[in-house]
Each structure stands twice: as C-alpha cells, then as structure tokens.
C-alpha cells in the first residue's frame, strides 16, 4: 500500500510540473546528443585514415 501512495504522489508532482515545461529543454538535450554523436562518429571513422609513416 505504501508503494501505491508513493506512486500517486509522484504522479501528482509530475502532473503539477508538466504545464510549466515546454519543448525547449527536450529540444536542447536532443540537439546536444546529436552534436556529440556526430563528433564521436566522425572521430571514430576518421581515426582509421591516420597514416603511420614509420
């Protein structure tokens, strides 16, 4: 029964904060993850083209 009460309180807290949030935070996170993913993918792919002039 205690888990049910905690879940209800959590749902109420989330519902109370939902109208104040816009898509700005989500969009910011998505863009940062996209840029980091592109940088890491480029680094991973381009490191194979490094020449070893021994």
Protein backbone atom coordinates (compact mmCIF):
# COMPACT_ATOMS: atom_id res chain seq x y z
CA UNK A 1 0.00 0.00 0.00
CA UNK A 2 2.91 2.35 0.70
CA UNK A 3 4.19 1.91 -2.86
CA UNK A 4 0.80 2.92 -4.20
CA UNK A 5 0.76 6.12 -2.15
CA UNK A 6 4.29 6.99 -3.26
CA UNK A 7 3.37 6.37 -6.89
CA UNK A 8 0.30 8.59 -6.60
CA UNK A 9 2.33 11.38 -5.02
CA UNK A 10 4.98 11.08 -7.73
CA UNK A 11 2.32 11.22 -10.44
CA UNK A 12 0.77 14.29 -8.84
CA UNK A 13 4.15 16.01 -8.62
CA UNK A 14 4.88 15.27 -12.26
CA UNK A 15 1.43 16.46 -13.31
CA UNK A 16 1.91 19.70 -11.40
CA UNK A 17 5.20 20.47 -13.16
CA UNK A 18 4.14 19.35 -16.64
CA UNK A 19 2.31 22.52 -17.72
CA UNK A 20 5.33 24.67 -16.89
CA UNK A 21 7.69 22.69 -19.09
CA UNK A 22 7.94 23.34 -22.76
CA UNK A 23 9.72 21.51 -25.51
CA UNK A 24 12.76 23.76 -25.11
CA UNK A 25 14.59 21.53 -22.63
CA UNK A 26 13.89 18.37 -24.61
CA UNK A 27 14.97 20.02 -27.85
CA UNK A 28 18.17 21.27 -26.21
CA UNK A 29 19.02 17.78 -24.96
CA UNK A 30 18.28 16.21 -28.35
CA UNK A 31 20.49 18.74 -30.13
CA UNK A 32 23.40 18.29 -27.71
CA UNK A 33 23.21 14.50 -28.02
CA UNK A 34 23.04 14.77 -31.82
CA UNK A 35 26.10 17.02 -31.99
CA UNK A 36 28.11 14.84 -29.62
CA UNK A 37 27.07 11.74 -31.56
CA UNK A 38 28.20 13.29 -34.84
CA UNK A 39 31.53 14.35 -33.36
CA UNK A 40 32.19 10.93 -31.87
CA UNK A 41 31.13 9.14 -35.07
CA UNK A 42 33.39 11.38 -37.15
CA UNK A 43 36.30 10.81 -34.80
CA UNK A 44 35.75 7.05 -34.85
CA UNK A 45 35.55 6.90 -38.65
CA UNK A 46 38.40 9.30 -39.37
CA UNK A 47 40.88 7.75 -36.94
CA UNK A 48 41.15 4.78 -39.29
CA UNK A 49 42.57 7.05 -42.02
CA UNK A 50 45.56 8.11 -39.95
CA UNK A 51 48.82 7.31 -41.72
CA UNK A 52 51.62 5.56 -39.91
CA UNK A 53 54.81 6.68 -41.66
CA UNK A 54 57.26 4.50 -39.77
